[in-house]
Protein backbone atom coordinates (compact mmCIF):
# COMPACT_ATOMS: atom_id res chain seq x y z
CA UNK A 1 12.87 -4.41 4.19
CA UNK A 2 13.29 -1.10 3.40
CA UNK A 3 17.11 -1.63 2.04
CA UNK A 4 16.67 -3.94 0.12
CA UNK A 5 13.73 -2.87 -1.57
CA UNK A 6 16.10 0.33 -2.23
CA UNK A 7 18.90 -2.23 -3.35
CA UNK A 8 15.87 -3.80 -5.76
CA UNK A 9 16.31 -7.47 -3.72
CA UNK A 10 12.29 -7.96 -3.73
CA UNK A 11 12.60 -11.53 -2.84
CA UNK A 12 14.33 -10.56 0.12
CA UNK A 13 12.17 -7.06 1.22
CA UNK A 14 9.68 -9.42 1.27
CA UNK A 15 11.04 -11.49 3.35
CA UNK A 16 12.16 -8.84 6.55
CA UNK A 17 8.68 -7.13 5.89
CA UNK A 18 7.08 -10.19 6.52
CA UNK A 19 8.62 -10.39 9.39
CA UNK A 20 7.85 -7.37 10.74
CA UNK A 21 4.60 -8.12 10.05
CA UNK A 22 4.59 -11.19 12.08
CA UNK A 23 6.70 -9.04 14.70
CA UNK A 24 4.58 -6.74 15.42
CA UNK A 25 1.79 -9.34 15.60
CA UNK A 26 3.44 -11.37 18.52
CA UNK A 27 3.82 -7.62 20.37
CA UNK A 28 -0.07 -6.40 19.86
CA UNK A 29 1.69 -3.20 17.60
CA UNK A 30 -0.87 -3.75 15.19
CA UNK A 31 -1.55 -0.31 13.76
CA UNK A 32 2.57 -0.63 12.69
CA UNK A 33 1.61 -3.04 10.23
CA UNK A 34 -0.60 -0.47 8.08
CA UNK A 35 2.79 0.69 6.22
CA UNK A 36 4.03 -2.80 6.27
CA UNK A 37 1.30 -4.17 4.47
CA UNK A 38 1.40 -1.22 1.78
CA UNK A 39 4.88 -1.86 1.28
CA UNK A 40 3.98 -5.51 0.67
CA UNK A 41 1.64 -4.54 -2.01
CA UNK A 42 3.92 -2.42 -3.62
CA UNK A 43 6.24 -5.12 -3.23
CA UNK A 44 4.09 -7.81 -4.88
CA UNK A 45 3.38 -5.14 -8.11
CA UNK A 46 6.65 -5.42 -8.88
CA UNK A 47 6.79 -9.33 -8.89
CA UNK A 48 3.48 -8.82 -11.12
CA UNK A 49 2.15 -10.81 -8.09
CA UNK A 50 -0.82 -8.32 -8.30
CA UNK A 51 -3.68 -10.82 -6.30
CA UNK A 52 -1.08 -10.95 -3.63
CA UNK A 53 -0.28 -7.23 -4.09
CA UNK A 54 -4.68 -6.26 -3.87
CA UNK A 55 -4.55 -9.18 -1.14
CA UNK A 56 -2.20 -6.79 1.12
CA UNK A 57 -3.35 -3.74 -0.08
CA UNK A 58 -6.76 -4.56 1.27
CA UNK A 59 -5.85 -5.81 4.85
CA UNK A 60 -4.02 -2.62 4.93
CA UNK A 61 -7.35 -0.61 3.91
CA UNK A 62 -9.45 -2.63 6.58
CA UNK A 63 -6.32 -1.84 9.50
CA UNK A 64 -6.15 2.08 8.32
CA UNK A 65 -9.78 2.18 8.84
CA UNK A 66 -9.52 1.11 12.90
CA UNK A 67 -6.47 3.26 12.97
CA UNK A 68 -7.75 6.20 11.73
CA UNK A 69 -4.47 7.49 9.23
CA UNK A 70 -5.63 9.63 6.15
CA UNK A 71 -2.12 9.52 4.91
CA UNK A 72 -1.67 5.69 5.09
CA UNK A 73 -5.57 5.60 3.37
CA UNK A 74 -4.54 7.92 0.58
CA UNK A 75 -1.35 5.41 0.12
CA UNK A 76 -3.17 2.29 -0.15
CA UNK A 77 -5.79 3.33 -2.43
CA UNK A 78 -3.38 5.16 -4.77
CA UNK A 79 -1.45 1.73 -4.45
CA UNK A 80 -4.70 -0.27 -5.28
CA UNK A 81 -5.60 2.06 -8.13
CA UNK A 82 -2.27 1.34 -9.82
CA UNK A 83 -2.94 -2.60 -8.84
CA UNK A 84 -5.72 -2.26 -10.79
CA UNK A 85 -4.91 -0.74 -13.67
CA UNK A 86 -2.41 -3.51 -14.43
CA UNK A 87 -5.14 -6.33 -13.71
CA UNK A 88 -7.32 -4.14 -16.27
CA UNK A 89 -9.98 -3.43 -13.61
CA UNK A 90 -9.99 0.49 -14.82
CA UNK A 91 -13.15 1.34 -13.50
CA UNK A 92 -12.04 0.48 -10.11
CA UNK A 93 -8.82 2.02 -10.35
CA UNK A 94 -10.26 5.27 -11.37
CA UNK A 95 -12.64 5.49 -8.34
CA UNK A 96 -9.68 4.68 -5.83
CA UNK A 97 -7.78 7.48 -7.79
CA UNK A 98 -10.63 9.76 -7.47
CA UNK A 99 -9.90 8.86 -3.33
CA UNK A 100 -6.88 8.64 -2.75
CA UNK A 101 -6.73 12.49 -4.99
CA UNK A 102 -9.65 13.53 -2.41
CA UNK A 103 -7.32 12.59 0.58
CA UNK A 104 -4.10 14.09 -1.16
CA UNK A 105 -6.15 17.42 -1.48
CA UNK A 106 -7.52 17.57 2.05
CA UNK A 107 -3.80 16.76 3.24
CA UNK A 108 -2.07 19.02 0.28
CA UNK A 109 -0.04 15.86 -0.29
CA UNK A 110 2.05 17.29 -3.30
CA UNK A 111 3.55 14.31 -4.45
CA UNK A 112 0.43 12.04 -5.01
CA UNK A 113 -1.21 15.38 -6.11
CA UNK A 114 1.71 15.22 -8.71
CA UNK A 115 1.09 12.02 -9.88
CA UNK A 116 -2.35 12.41 -10.25
CA UNK A 117 -2.32 14.66 -12.64
């Protein structure tokens, strides 16, 4: 999926990420689906399918809570905030950006910190 994303072949990237997601379910490697779901969310934003993006990012957050990855939580919240800005839900977006920023500060994630200011 990442190769097709880099080539801006969004539909192909989505197809292969969905295959990866299904394979992770089949082999019971659900933690590996968190970044897959985040990537799917990002791609659906690019396609302007905000409902699908929100669905995948929320599913990622549920999974991330179970595995406890602060880095992935930060990325999912940031992308969810970005998606909510696209749908006009600015209050919700602001909360998600603040939550992501707090995690970024705790992790000293320079990229998210840079994008937040």
